[in-house]
N, C-alpha and C. Protein backbone atom coordinates (compact mmCIF):
# COMPACT_ATOMS: atom_id res chain seq x y z
N MET A 1 0.84 -1.20 0.00
CA MET A 1 0.00 0.00 0.00
C MET A 1 0.88 1.25 0.00
N PRO A 2 0.31 2.38 -0.44
CA PRO A 2 1.11 3.61 -0.50
C PRO A 2 1.61 4.01 0.88
N THR A 3 2.71 4.74 0.90
CA THR A 3 3.24 5.28 2.15
C THR A 3 2.43 6.52 2.54
N ASP A 4 2.63 6.95 3.76
CA ASP A 4 1.98 8.18 4.21
C ASP A 4 2.40 9.37 3.34
N THR A 5 3.62 9.29 2.81
CA THR A 5 4.12 10.39 1.97
C THR A 5 3.21 10.61 0.78
N PHE A 6 2.72 9.54 0.18
CA PHE A 6 1.83 9.66 -0.98
C PHE A 6 0.54 10.40 -0.60
N PHE A 7 -0.01 10.05 0.54
CA PHE A 7 -1.27 10.67 0.94
C PHE A 7 -1.09 12.10 1.43
N ASN A 8 0.16 12.49 1.67
CA ASN A 8 0.43 13.85 2.12
C ASN A 8 0.71 14.82 0.98
N ILE A 9 0.92 14.30 -0.23
CA ILE A 9 1.14 15.20 -1.37
C ILE A 9 -0.20 15.79 -1.80
N ASP A 10 -0.17 16.85 -2.60
CA ASP A 10 -1.42 17.53 -2.96
C ASP A 10 -2.28 16.61 -3.86
N LYS A 11 -3.58 16.85 -3.82
CA LYS A 11 -4.54 15.98 -4.50
C LYS A 11 -4.35 15.94 -6.01
N ASP A 12 -3.97 17.07 -6.59
CA ASP A 12 -3.76 17.10 -8.04
C ASP A 12 -2.62 16.17 -8.45
N LYS A 13 -1.57 16.15 -7.64
CA LYS A 13 -0.44 15.28 -7.94
C LYS A 13 -0.83 13.82 -7.75
N GLN A 14 -1.61 13.54 -6.71
CA GLN A 14 -2.11 12.18 -6.52
C GLN A 14 -2.92 11.73 -7.73
N LYS A 15 -3.82 12.59 -8.19
CA LYS A 15 -4.66 12.25 -9.35
C LYS A 15 -3.80 12.00 -10.59
N ARG A 16 -2.75 12.79 -10.74
CA ARG A 16 -1.87 12.64 -11.91
C ARG A 16 -1.16 11.29 -11.88
N ILE A 17 -0.72 10.89 -10.70
CA ILE A 17 -0.03 9.59 -10.56
C ILE A 17 -1.01 8.46 -10.77
N ILE A 18 -2.20 8.57 -10.20
CA ILE A 18 -3.22 7.53 -10.39
C ILE A 18 -3.61 7.43 -11.86
N GLY A 19 -3.79 8.59 -12.50
CA GLY A 19 -4.14 8.59 -13.92
C GLY A 19 -3.06 7.96 -14.77
N ALA A 20 -1.79 8.21 -14.41
CA ALA A 20 -0.68 7.61 -15.15
C ALA A 20 -0.69 6.09 -14.98
N GLY A 21 -1.02 5.63 -13.78
CA GLY A 21 -1.11 4.19 -13.55
C GLY A 21 -2.24 3.56 -14.34
N ILE A 22 -3.39 4.22 -14.35
CA ILE A 22 -4.53 3.68 -15.10
C ILE A 22 -4.19 3.61 -16.59
N ASP A 23 -3.55 4.65 -17.12
CA ASP A 23 -3.15 4.64 -18.53
C ASP A 23 -2.20 3.49 -18.84
N GLU A 24 -1.24 3.27 -17.95
CA GLU A 24 -0.24 2.22 -18.19
C GLU A 24 -0.86 0.84 -18.09
N PHE A 25 -1.65 0.58 -17.06
CA PHE A 25 -2.20 -0.75 -16.86
C PHE A 25 -3.38 -1.04 -17.79
N ALA A 26 -3.97 0.03 -18.36
CA ALA A 26 -5.05 -0.17 -19.34
C ALA A 26 -4.50 -0.63 -20.68
N GLY A 27 -3.21 -0.40 -20.89
CA GLY A 27 -2.61 -0.76 -22.17
C GLY A 27 -1.64 -1.92 -22.11
N ASN A 28 -1.40 -2.45 -20.90
CA ASN A 28 -0.40 -3.50 -20.74
C ASN A 28 -0.78 -4.46 -19.62
N SER A 29 -0.34 -5.69 -19.75
CA SER A 29 -0.44 -6.61 -18.62
C SER A 29 0.52 -6.13 -17.54
N PHE A 30 0.42 -6.71 -16.35
CA PHE A 30 1.31 -6.29 -15.27
C PHE A 30 2.77 -6.50 -15.65
N ASN A 31 3.09 -7.67 -16.22
CA ASN A 31 4.49 -7.98 -16.55
C ASN A 31 5.05 -7.08 -17.64
N ASP A 32 4.18 -6.52 -18.48
CA ASP A 32 4.64 -5.65 -19.55
C ASP A 32 4.60 -4.18 -19.17
N SER A 33 4.14 -3.89 -17.96
CA SER A 33 4.05 -2.50 -17.52
C SER A 33 5.40 -2.00 -17.04
N SER A 34 5.54 -0.68 -17.06
CA SER A 34 6.85 -0.09 -16.80
C SER A 34 6.74 1.11 -15.86
N ILE A 35 7.58 1.11 -14.84
CA ILE A 35 7.66 2.28 -13.96
C ILE A 35 8.12 3.50 -14.74
N SER A 36 9.00 3.29 -15.71
CA SER A 36 9.50 4.41 -16.51
C SER A 36 8.37 5.13 -17.22
N ASN A 37 7.44 4.36 -17.80
CA ASN A 37 6.29 4.98 -18.48
C ASN A 37 5.41 5.73 -17.50
N ILE A 38 5.23 5.15 -16.31
CA ILE A 38 4.35 5.76 -15.32
C ILE A 38 4.91 7.09 -14.83
N ILE A 39 6.19 7.12 -14.49
CA ILE A 39 6.77 8.36 -13.97
C ILE A 39 6.87 9.42 -15.07
N GLU A 40 7.02 8.98 -16.32
CA GLU A 40 7.04 9.95 -17.43
C GLU A 40 5.66 10.59 -17.59
N ARG A 41 4.62 9.76 -17.54
CA ARG A 41 3.26 10.29 -17.66
C ARG A 41 2.90 11.18 -16.47
N ALA A 42 3.31 10.74 -15.28
CA ALA A 42 2.97 11.48 -14.06
C ALA A 42 3.86 12.71 -13.85
N GLU A 43 4.96 12.77 -14.61
CA GLU A 43 5.91 13.88 -14.51
C GLU A 43 6.49 13.99 -13.10
N ILE A 44 6.99 12.84 -12.61
CA ILE A 44 7.64 12.81 -11.30
C ILE A 44 8.98 12.09 -11.44
N PRO A 45 9.95 12.39 -10.58
CA PRO A 45 11.22 11.67 -10.60
C PRO A 45 11.02 10.22 -10.15
N ARG A 46 11.92 9.34 -10.60
CA ARG A 46 11.85 7.94 -10.18
C ARG A 46 11.97 7.81 -8.66
N GLY A 47 12.82 8.64 -8.07
CA GLY A 47 12.99 8.58 -6.62
C GLY A 47 11.69 8.88 -5.88
N SER A 48 10.90 9.79 -6.43
CA SER A 48 9.63 10.12 -5.79
C SER A 48 8.69 8.92 -5.81
N PHE A 49 8.70 8.18 -6.93
CA PHE A 49 7.83 7.00 -7.02
C PHE A 49 8.11 6.05 -5.87
N TYR A 50 9.40 5.84 -5.60
CA TYR A 50 9.77 4.89 -4.54
C TYR A 50 9.57 5.47 -3.13
N GLN A 51 9.34 6.78 -3.07
CA GLN A 51 8.92 7.34 -1.79
C GLN A 51 7.45 7.03 -1.51
N TYR A 52 6.70 6.81 -2.58
CA TYR A 52 5.26 6.58 -2.46
C TYR A 52 4.89 5.10 -2.43
N PHE A 53 5.63 4.28 -3.20
CA PHE A 53 5.30 2.86 -3.35
C PHE A 53 6.57 2.02 -3.28
N ALA A 54 6.43 0.80 -2.75
CA ALA A 54 7.60 -0.07 -2.59
C ALA A 54 8.14 -0.52 -3.94
N ASP A 55 7.25 -0.82 -4.87
CA ASP A 55 7.65 -1.30 -6.18
C ASP A 55 6.44 -1.25 -7.11
N LEU A 56 6.59 -1.79 -8.31
CA LEU A 56 5.51 -1.75 -9.29
C LEU A 56 4.29 -2.54 -8.82
N LYS A 57 4.52 -3.69 -8.18
CA LYS A 57 3.40 -4.51 -7.71
C LYS A 57 2.61 -3.77 -6.63
N ASP A 58 3.31 -3.08 -5.77
CA ASP A 58 2.65 -2.30 -4.72
C ASP A 58 1.73 -1.25 -5.35
N PHE A 59 2.22 -0.59 -6.38
CA PHE A 59 1.43 0.42 -7.09
C PHE A 59 0.25 -0.23 -7.81
N TYR A 60 0.50 -1.37 -8.42
CA TYR A 60 -0.56 -2.10 -9.14
C TYR A 60 -1.68 -2.50 -8.19
N LYS A 61 -1.31 -3.00 -7.02
CA LYS A 61 -2.31 -3.35 -6.01
C LYS A 61 -3.15 -2.13 -5.63
N TYR A 62 -2.48 -1.00 -5.49
CA TYR A 62 -3.21 0.22 -5.12
C TYR A 62 -4.19 0.61 -6.21
N ILE A 63 -3.77 0.54 -7.46
CA ILE A 63 -4.64 0.92 -8.57
C ILE A 63 -5.85 -0.01 -8.66
N ILE A 64 -5.62 -1.31 -8.47
CA ILE A 64 -6.72 -2.27 -8.49
C ILE A 64 -7.69 -1.96 -7.34
N GLY A 65 -7.17 -1.64 -6.17
CA GLY A 65 -8.01 -1.28 -5.04
C GLY A 65 -8.77 0.02 -5.29
N PHE A 66 -8.10 0.99 -5.92
CA PHE A 66 -8.73 2.26 -6.25
C PHE A 66 -9.90 2.03 -7.20
N ILE A 67 -9.70 1.17 -8.19
CA ILE A 67 -10.77 0.85 -9.15
C ILE A 67 -11.93 0.17 -8.45
N ALA A 68 -11.61 -0.77 -7.55
CA ALA A 68 -12.66 -1.48 -6.82
C ALA A 68 -13.50 -0.50 -6.01
N GLU A 69 -12.86 0.50 -5.41
CA GLU A 69 -13.59 1.50 -4.63
C GLU A 69 -14.50 2.33 -5.52
N LYS A 70 -14.00 2.69 -6.71
CA LYS A 70 -14.82 3.46 -7.66
C LYS A 70 -16.04 2.66 -8.09
N LYS A 71 -15.83 1.37 -8.29
CA LYS A 71 -16.95 0.51 -8.71
C LYS A 71 -17.97 0.39 -7.59
N ILE A 72 -17.49 0.26 -6.36
CA ILE A 72 -18.41 0.19 -5.21
C ILE A 72 -19.20 1.48 -5.08
N GLU A 73 -18.55 2.63 -5.27
CA GLU A 73 -19.25 3.92 -5.23
C GLU A 73 -20.33 3.97 -6.31
N PHE A 74 -19.99 3.50 -7.50
CA PHE A 74 -20.95 3.48 -8.61
C PHE A 74 -22.16 2.63 -8.26
N PHE A 75 -21.91 1.46 -7.67
CA PHE A 75 -23.00 0.56 -7.30
C PHE A 75 -23.83 1.16 -6.16
N ASN A 76 -23.17 1.77 -5.19
CA ASN A 76 -23.89 2.35 -4.05
C ASN A 76 -24.80 3.49 -4.49
N ASP A 77 -24.31 4.31 -5.42
CA ASP A 77 -25.12 5.42 -5.93
C ASP A 77 -26.37 4.89 -6.64
N SER A 78 -26.22 3.78 -7.33
CA SER A 78 -27.34 3.21 -8.07
C SER A 78 -28.25 2.37 -7.17
N PHE A 79 -27.69 1.89 -6.07
CA PHE A 79 -28.41 0.97 -5.21
C PHE A 79 -29.60 1.64 -4.52
N LYS A 80 -29.56 2.94 -4.39
CA LYS A 80 -30.63 3.66 -3.73
C LYS A 80 -31.97 3.45 -4.43
N ASP A 81 -31.92 3.25 -5.75
CA ASP A 81 -33.14 3.09 -6.54
C ASP A 81 -33.61 1.64 -6.58
N MET A 82 -32.95 0.75 -5.83
CA MET A 82 -33.24 -0.67 -5.93
C MET A 82 -33.97 -1.22 -4.70
N GLU A 83 -34.28 -0.33 -3.76
CA GLU A 83 -34.85 -0.78 -2.50
C GLU A 83 -36.23 -1.43 -2.67
N SER A 84 -36.98 -1.00 -3.70
CA SER A 84 -38.32 -1.54 -3.91
C SER A 84 -38.32 -2.82 -4.73
N MET A 85 -37.16 -3.26 -5.20
CA MET A 85 -37.07 -4.43 -6.06
C MET A 85 -37.09 -5.72 -5.24
N ASP A 86 -37.57 -6.81 -5.86
CA ASP A 86 -37.44 -8.10 -5.20
C ASP A 86 -36.03 -8.64 -5.45
N THR A 87 -35.71 -9.77 -4.87
CA THR A 87 -34.34 -10.30 -4.91
C THR A 87 -33.86 -10.52 -6.34
N PHE A 88 -34.69 -11.06 -7.18
CA PHE A 88 -34.26 -11.40 -8.55
C PHE A 88 -34.14 -10.15 -9.41
N GLU A 89 -35.01 -9.19 -9.20
CA GLU A 89 -34.86 -7.92 -9.91
C GLU A 89 -33.57 -7.23 -9.50
N MET A 90 -33.23 -7.35 -8.24
CA MET A 90 -32.01 -6.72 -7.74
C MET A 90 -30.77 -7.38 -8.33
N ILE A 91 -30.75 -8.70 -8.40
CA ILE A 91 -29.61 -9.41 -9.00
C ILE A 91 -29.48 -9.01 -10.48
N ARG A 92 -30.62 -8.98 -11.16
CA ARG A 92 -30.63 -8.57 -12.56
C ARG A 92 -30.02 -7.19 -12.72
N GLU A 93 -30.43 -6.24 -11.86
CA GLU A 93 -29.94 -4.88 -11.97
C GLU A 93 -28.45 -4.79 -11.64
N LEU A 94 -27.99 -5.57 -10.68
CA LEU A 94 -26.57 -5.59 -10.33
C LEU A 94 -25.72 -6.05 -11.51
N TYR A 95 -26.18 -7.09 -12.20
CA TYR A 95 -25.44 -7.58 -13.36
C TYR A 95 -25.43 -6.53 -14.48
N ARG A 96 -26.57 -5.87 -14.67
CA ARG A 96 -26.64 -4.81 -15.68
C ARG A 96 -25.70 -3.66 -15.33
N LEU A 97 -25.64 -3.32 -14.04
CA LEU A 97 -24.75 -2.24 -13.62
C LEU A 97 -23.29 -2.57 -13.87
N GLY A 98 -22.93 -3.86 -13.72
CA GLY A 98 -21.56 -4.27 -14.00
C GLY A 98 -21.18 -4.00 -15.45
N ILE A 99 -22.11 -4.30 -16.36
CA ILE A 99 -21.88 -4.02 -17.77
C ILE A 99 -21.82 -2.51 -18.01
N LYS A 100 -22.74 -1.78 -17.39
CA LYS A 100 -22.79 -0.32 -17.59
C LYS A 100 -21.53 0.35 -17.06
N PHE A 101 -20.99 -0.14 -15.96
CA PHE A 101 -19.76 0.43 -15.41
C PHE A 101 -18.62 0.25 -16.40
N ALA A 102 -18.51 -0.95 -16.98
CA ALA A 102 -17.46 -1.20 -17.96
C ALA A 102 -17.63 -0.30 -19.18
N TYR A 103 -18.89 -0.09 -19.58
CA TYR A 103 -19.18 0.75 -20.75
C TYR A 103 -18.82 2.21 -20.47
N ASP A 104 -19.12 2.68 -19.25
CA ASP A 104 -18.86 4.08 -18.90
C ASP A 104 -17.40 4.36 -18.59
N HIS A 105 -16.64 3.31 -18.24
CA HIS A 105 -15.23 3.50 -17.85
C HIS A 105 -14.35 2.52 -18.63
N PRO A 106 -14.18 2.76 -19.93
CA PRO A 106 -13.45 1.79 -20.77
C PRO A 106 -11.99 1.57 -20.37
N ARG A 107 -11.32 2.62 -19.88
CA ARG A 107 -9.92 2.42 -19.46
C ARG A 107 -9.85 1.50 -18.26
N ILE A 108 -10.76 1.72 -17.31
CA ILE A 108 -10.80 0.84 -16.15
C ILE A 108 -11.19 -0.57 -16.57
N ALA A 109 -12.13 -0.67 -17.51
CA ALA A 109 -12.54 -1.98 -18.02
C ALA A 109 -11.37 -2.70 -18.67
N ALA A 110 -10.52 -1.94 -19.36
CA ALA A 110 -9.35 -2.54 -20.01
C ALA A 110 -8.41 -3.14 -18.97
N ILE A 111 -8.25 -2.45 -17.84
CA ILE A 111 -7.41 -2.99 -16.76
C ILE A 111 -8.02 -4.29 -16.24
N GLY A 112 -9.34 -4.30 -16.08
CA GLY A 112 -10.01 -5.52 -15.65
C GLY A 112 -9.81 -6.66 -16.62
N ASN A 113 -9.78 -6.33 -17.91
CA ASN A 113 -9.57 -7.35 -18.94
C ASN A 113 -8.17 -7.96 -18.82
N TYR A 114 -7.18 -7.11 -18.65
CA TYR A 114 -5.81 -7.61 -18.46
C TYR A 114 -5.70 -8.39 -17.16
N PHE A 115 -6.33 -7.86 -16.11
CA PHE A 115 -6.24 -8.50 -14.80
C PHE A 115 -6.81 -9.92 -14.84
N ALA A 116 -7.90 -10.09 -15.60
CA ALA A 116 -8.52 -11.41 -15.70
C ALA A 116 -7.59 -12.43 -16.34
N SER A 117 -6.62 -11.95 -17.12
CA SER A 117 -5.69 -12.85 -17.82
C SER A 117 -4.39 -13.05 -17.06
N GLU A 118 -4.24 -12.39 -15.92
CA GLU A 118 -3.01 -12.54 -15.13
C GLU A 118 -2.94 -13.92 -14.50
N GLY A 119 -1.76 -14.29 -14.05
CA GLY A 119 -1.58 -15.58 -13.39
C GLY A 119 -2.36 -15.66 -12.09
N ASP A 120 -2.73 -16.87 -11.72
CA ASP A 120 -3.54 -17.06 -10.52
C ASP A 120 -2.85 -16.56 -9.26
N ASP A 121 -1.54 -16.70 -9.18
CA ASP A 121 -0.82 -16.25 -7.98
C ASP A 121 -1.00 -14.76 -7.77
N LEU A 122 -0.85 -13.99 -8.84
CA LEU A 122 -0.99 -12.54 -8.73
C LEU A 122 -2.43 -12.17 -8.42
N LYS A 123 -3.39 -12.79 -9.11
CA LYS A 123 -4.79 -12.49 -8.87
C LYS A 123 -5.20 -12.83 -7.44
N ASN A 124 -4.77 -13.98 -6.97
CA ASN A 124 -5.13 -14.38 -5.61
C ASN A 124 -4.54 -13.45 -4.57
N GLU A 125 -3.31 -13.01 -4.82
CA GLU A 125 -2.63 -12.11 -3.89
C GLU A 125 -3.35 -10.77 -3.80
N ILE A 126 -3.84 -10.29 -4.94
CA ILE A 126 -4.43 -8.96 -5.00
C ILE A 126 -5.92 -8.98 -4.67
N TYR A 127 -6.61 -10.00 -5.15
CA TYR A 127 -8.07 -9.94 -5.16
C TYR A 127 -8.74 -10.70 -4.03
N GLU A 128 -7.95 -11.33 -3.18
CA GLU A 128 -8.53 -12.18 -2.14
C GLU A 128 -9.54 -11.42 -1.27
N ASP A 129 -9.17 -10.23 -0.81
CA ASP A 129 -10.07 -9.46 0.07
C ASP A 129 -11.31 -9.02 -0.67
N PHE A 130 -11.14 -8.57 -1.92
CA PHE A 130 -12.28 -8.09 -2.70
C PHE A 130 -13.25 -9.23 -3.00
N GLU A 131 -12.70 -10.41 -3.28
CA GLU A 131 -13.55 -11.56 -3.59
C GLU A 131 -14.40 -11.92 -2.38
N GLU A 132 -13.82 -11.92 -1.21
CA GLU A 132 -14.56 -12.27 -0.01
C GLU A 132 -15.69 -11.27 0.24
N LYS A 133 -15.41 -9.99 0.04
CA LYS A 133 -16.43 -8.95 0.23
C LYS A 133 -17.56 -9.12 -0.78
N SER A 134 -17.20 -9.44 -2.02
CA SER A 134 -18.21 -9.61 -3.06
C SER A 134 -19.11 -10.80 -2.77
N ARG A 135 -18.50 -11.90 -2.35
CA ARG A 135 -19.30 -13.09 -2.03
C ARG A 135 -20.21 -12.82 -0.84
N GLN A 136 -19.70 -12.11 0.15
CA GLN A 136 -20.51 -11.82 1.32
C GLN A 136 -21.70 -10.93 0.96
N PHE A 137 -21.49 -10.05 0.01
CA PHE A 137 -22.59 -9.21 -0.46
C PHE A 137 -23.72 -10.07 -0.99
N PHE A 138 -23.38 -11.09 -1.79
CA PHE A 138 -24.40 -11.96 -2.35
C PHE A 138 -25.04 -12.84 -1.26
N VAL A 139 -24.25 -13.24 -0.27
CA VAL A 139 -24.82 -13.99 0.86
C VAL A 139 -25.89 -13.14 1.54
N ASN A 140 -25.55 -11.89 1.81
CA ASN A 140 -26.50 -10.99 2.48
C ASN A 140 -27.76 -10.80 1.63
N LEU A 141 -27.56 -10.72 0.31
CA LEU A 141 -28.68 -10.54 -0.60
C LEU A 141 -29.63 -11.74 -0.55
N ILE A 142 -29.06 -12.95 -0.55
CA ILE A 142 -29.88 -14.16 -0.50
C ILE A 142 -30.57 -14.29 0.85
N GLU A 143 -29.87 -13.98 1.92
CA GLU A 143 -30.48 -14.03 3.24
C GLU A 143 -31.66 -13.06 3.34
N ALA A 144 -31.50 -11.88 2.78
CA ALA A 144 -32.60 -10.91 2.76
C ALA A 144 -33.76 -11.44 1.92
N GLY A 145 -33.43 -12.15 0.82
CA GLY A 145 -34.46 -12.75 -0.02
C GLY A 145 -35.24 -13.82 0.70
N LYS A 146 -34.56 -14.57 1.56
CA LYS A 146 -35.26 -15.57 2.37
C LYS A 146 -36.24 -14.91 3.34
N GLU A 147 -35.78 -13.84 3.95
CA GLU A 147 -36.63 -13.15 4.92
C GLU A 147 -37.87 -12.55 4.26
N SER A 148 -37.70 -12.07 3.03
CA SER A 148 -38.83 -11.46 2.32
C SER A 148 -39.74 -12.48 1.65
N GLY A 149 -39.26 -13.73 1.58
CA GLY A 149 -40.06 -14.78 0.95
C GLY A 149 -39.78 -14.97 -0.52
N ASP A 150 -38.80 -14.23 -1.08
CA ASP A 150 -38.47 -14.38 -2.50
C ASP A 150 -37.68 -15.66 -2.77
N VAL A 151 -36.92 -16.10 -1.78
CA VAL A 151 -35.98 -17.21 -1.96
C VAL A 151 -36.36 -18.35 -1.01
N ASP A 152 -36.29 -19.56 -1.51
CA ASP A 152 -36.57 -20.75 -0.70
C ASP A 152 -35.62 -20.78 0.50
N ASP A 153 -36.18 -20.86 1.71
CA ASP A 153 -35.33 -20.80 2.89
C ASP A 153 -34.53 -22.07 3.13
N GLN A 154 -34.73 -23.11 2.28
CA GLN A 154 -33.93 -24.32 2.37
C GLN A 154 -32.64 -24.23 1.53
N ILE A 155 -32.56 -23.20 0.71
CA ILE A 155 -31.40 -23.02 -0.15
C ILE A 155 -30.19 -22.61 0.69
N ASP A 156 -29.03 -23.19 0.37
CA ASP A 156 -27.79 -22.82 1.07
C ASP A 156 -27.27 -21.49 0.52
N SER A 157 -27.25 -20.48 1.36
CA SER A 157 -26.90 -19.12 0.92
C SER A 157 -25.47 -19.02 0.42
N GLN A 158 -24.54 -19.72 1.08
CA GLN A 158 -23.14 -19.67 0.66
C GLN A 158 -22.95 -20.24 -0.74
N THR A 159 -23.63 -21.33 -1.03
CA THR A 159 -23.51 -21.95 -2.35
C THR A 159 -24.09 -21.04 -3.43
N VAL A 160 -25.27 -20.49 -3.18
CA VAL A 160 -25.88 -19.58 -4.15
C VAL A 160 -25.01 -18.35 -4.34
N ALA A 161 -24.44 -17.84 -3.27
CA ALA A 161 -23.58 -16.66 -3.37
C ALA A 161 -22.37 -16.94 -4.26
N ARG A 162 -21.79 -18.12 -4.14
CA ARG A 162 -20.65 -18.48 -4.99
C ARG A 162 -21.08 -18.51 -6.45
N ILE A 163 -22.24 -19.11 -6.71
CA ILE A 163 -22.73 -19.19 -8.09
C ILE A 163 -22.95 -17.79 -8.66
N LEU A 164 -23.63 -16.94 -7.89
CA LEU A 164 -23.92 -15.58 -8.35
C LEU A 164 -22.64 -14.79 -8.57
N TYR A 165 -21.67 -14.99 -7.69
CA TYR A 165 -20.39 -14.28 -7.81
C TYR A 165 -19.68 -14.67 -9.11
N PHE A 166 -19.61 -15.96 -9.40
CA PHE A 166 -18.90 -16.41 -10.60
C PHE A 166 -19.67 -16.06 -11.87
N ILE A 167 -21.00 -16.06 -11.81
CA ILE A 167 -21.78 -15.60 -12.96
C ILE A 167 -21.47 -14.13 -13.24
N ASN A 168 -21.40 -13.35 -12.19
CA ASN A 168 -21.09 -11.93 -12.34
C ASN A 168 -19.75 -11.72 -13.04
N LEU A 169 -18.74 -12.47 -12.62
CA LEU A 169 -17.43 -12.37 -13.27
C LEU A 169 -17.51 -12.78 -14.72
N SER A 170 -18.25 -13.85 -15.01
CA SER A 170 -18.34 -14.37 -16.38
C SER A 170 -19.02 -13.38 -17.31
N ILE A 171 -20.09 -12.74 -16.83
CA ILE A 171 -20.80 -11.78 -17.67
C ILE A 171 -19.88 -10.63 -18.06
N THR A 172 -19.18 -10.08 -17.07
CA THR A 172 -18.29 -8.96 -17.36
C THR A 172 -17.14 -9.38 -18.25
N ASP A 173 -16.55 -10.57 -17.99
CA ASP A 173 -15.45 -11.06 -18.82
C ASP A 173 -15.89 -11.23 -20.27
N GLU A 174 -17.09 -11.76 -20.47
CA GLU A 174 -17.58 -11.96 -21.84
C GLU A 174 -17.76 -10.62 -22.54
N PHE A 175 -18.29 -9.65 -21.82
CA PHE A 175 -18.45 -8.32 -22.39
C PHE A 175 -17.10 -7.74 -22.80
N LEU A 176 -16.12 -7.84 -21.90
CA LEU A 176 -14.80 -7.27 -22.19
C LEU A 176 -14.10 -8.00 -23.32
N ASP A 177 -14.34 -9.30 -23.45
CA ASP A 177 -13.73 -10.07 -24.53
C ASP A 177 -14.35 -9.73 -25.89
N ASP A 178 -15.64 -9.41 -25.86
CA ASP A 178 -16.37 -9.20 -27.12
C ASP A 178 -16.20 -7.81 -27.71
N VAL A 179 -16.12 -6.80 -26.84
CA VAL A 179 -16.17 -5.43 -27.35
C VAL A 179 -14.78 -4.89 -27.63
N ASP A 180 -14.74 -3.89 -28.51
CA ASP A 180 -13.52 -3.15 -28.78
C ASP A 180 -13.50 -1.96 -27.83
N LEU A 181 -12.64 -2.03 -26.82
CA LEU A 181 -12.64 -0.99 -25.78
C LEU A 181 -12.21 0.37 -26.31
N SER A 182 -11.53 0.38 -27.45
CA SER A 182 -11.15 1.67 -28.05
C SER A 182 -12.32 2.30 -28.80
N ASN A 183 -13.37 1.50 -29.00
CA ASN A 183 -14.58 1.99 -29.67
C ASN A 183 -15.80 1.48 -28.90
N ILE A 184 -15.81 1.77 -27.60
CA ILE A 184 -16.81 1.20 -26.70
C ILE A 184 -18.23 1.63 -27.08
N GLU A 185 -18.35 2.80 -27.73
CA GLU A 185 -19.68 3.31 -28.07
C GLU A 185 -20.40 2.39 -29.05
N ALA A 186 -19.64 1.56 -29.77
CA ALA A 186 -20.24 0.67 -30.76
C ALA A 186 -20.85 -0.58 -30.12
N ALA A 187 -20.58 -0.81 -28.85
CA ALA A 187 -21.11 -2.00 -28.17
C ALA A 187 -22.63 -1.89 -28.03
N ASP A 188 -23.31 -3.00 -28.28
CA ASP A 188 -24.76 -3.06 -28.15
C ASP A 188 -25.11 -3.60 -26.77
N LEU A 189 -25.37 -2.70 -25.84
CA LEU A 189 -25.65 -3.12 -24.48
C LEU A 189 -26.92 -3.96 -24.38
N ASP A 190 -27.87 -3.71 -25.26
CA ASP A 190 -29.14 -4.44 -25.20
C ASP A 190 -28.93 -5.94 -25.36
N ASP A 191 -27.96 -6.35 -26.17
CA ASP A 191 -27.68 -7.77 -26.32
C ASP A 191 -27.31 -8.41 -24.98
N TYR A 192 -26.48 -7.71 -24.24
CA TYR A 192 -26.03 -8.23 -22.94
C TYR A 192 -27.14 -8.15 -21.91
N TYR A 193 -27.93 -7.08 -21.96
CA TYR A 193 -29.06 -6.95 -21.03
C TYR A 193 -30.09 -8.06 -21.28
N ASN A 194 -30.34 -8.36 -22.56
CA ASN A 194 -31.29 -9.43 -22.88
C ASN A 194 -30.78 -10.79 -22.39
N PHE A 195 -29.48 -11.00 -22.52
CA PHE A 195 -28.89 -12.24 -22.01
C PHE A 195 -29.08 -12.34 -20.50
N ILE A 196 -28.85 -11.23 -19.81
CA ILE A 196 -29.03 -11.21 -18.35
C ILE A 196 -30.48 -11.52 -17.99
N ASP A 197 -31.43 -10.96 -18.74
CA ASP A 197 -32.85 -11.23 -18.48
C ASP A 197 -33.16 -12.71 -18.60
N ARG A 198 -32.62 -13.34 -19.65
CA ARG A 198 -32.87 -14.78 -19.85
C ARG A 198 -32.24 -15.60 -18.73
N MET A 199 -31.06 -15.17 -18.30
CA MET A 199 -30.37 -15.90 -17.25
C MET A 199 -31.12 -15.78 -15.91
N ILE A 200 -31.64 -14.60 -15.62
CA ILE A 200 -32.39 -14.41 -14.39
C ILE A 200 -33.67 -15.24 -14.41
N PHE A 201 -34.29 -15.36 -15.56
CA PHE A 201 -35.48 -16.20 -15.68
C PHE A 201 -35.15 -17.64 -15.28
N ILE A 202 -34.03 -18.14 -15.78
CA ILE A 202 -33.61 -19.52 -15.45
C ILE A 202 -33.26 -19.62 -13.97
N LEU A 203 -32.56 -18.61 -13.46
CA LEU A 203 -32.18 -18.62 -12.05
C LEU A 203 -33.42 -18.67 -11.16
N LYS A 204 -34.43 -17.92 -11.53
CA LYS A 204 -35.64 -17.83 -10.72
C LYS A 204 -36.52 -19.08 -10.85
N ASN A 205 -36.59 -19.64 -12.05
CA ASN A 205 -37.52 -20.74 -12.31
C ASN A 205 -36.88 -22.11 -12.35
N GLY A 206 -35.55 -22.17 -12.44
CA GLY A 206 -34.87 -23.45 -12.47
C GLY A 206 -34.91 -24.10 -13.86
N ILE A 207 -34.25 -25.25 -13.98
CA ILE A 207 -34.22 -25.96 -15.27
C ILE A 207 -34.95 -27.29 -15.21
N ALA A 208 -35.46 -27.65 -14.03
CA ALA A 208 -36.21 -28.90 -13.93
C ALA A 208 -37.54 -28.78 -14.65
N ARG A 209 -38.00 -29.91 -15.21
CA ARG A 209 -39.24 -29.87 -15.95
C ARG A 209 -40.42 -29.62 -15.01
């Protein structure tokens, strides 16, 4: 994580360094990324970088965490309008929001695309905390659904949460694989929204005859 020195510099400089990191990681995998490119974009000396971060991986972890926080803020802002929804409508809307976030933030989406292709060791090291929080969110959602009567109270919440979590990852990964992030406006969001609608129908009604 960043040193106290990083948080003590002025906000404009922080934004410039974060922006330089997003630009670099949006165009390269972690192994192909370069501190030289980042400090050139941020217009800071190399020595200053090492005053703020231990190394490139430390900075990469921070950028991934920064993105996760932005995504959570995006979801929280939208979540206010979801209080009247039932459990399945809420899951549907959450999946749609994941696609919309990628559409609205193509550079961040590009980082997510590269991150999904990184080795398991790096992903596990960076994403372990975020994964646990995401799964717990779905657990809470299913538990609330049981209380409201939307969800069968015999269903194991942990198992359903895992399924919902991995479906969420798959939907976003498919979107990122399919679209040209340099021309994101050409993506047809309705295709993905319709797929989500069909999937929620199956989730709600099951596949048994």
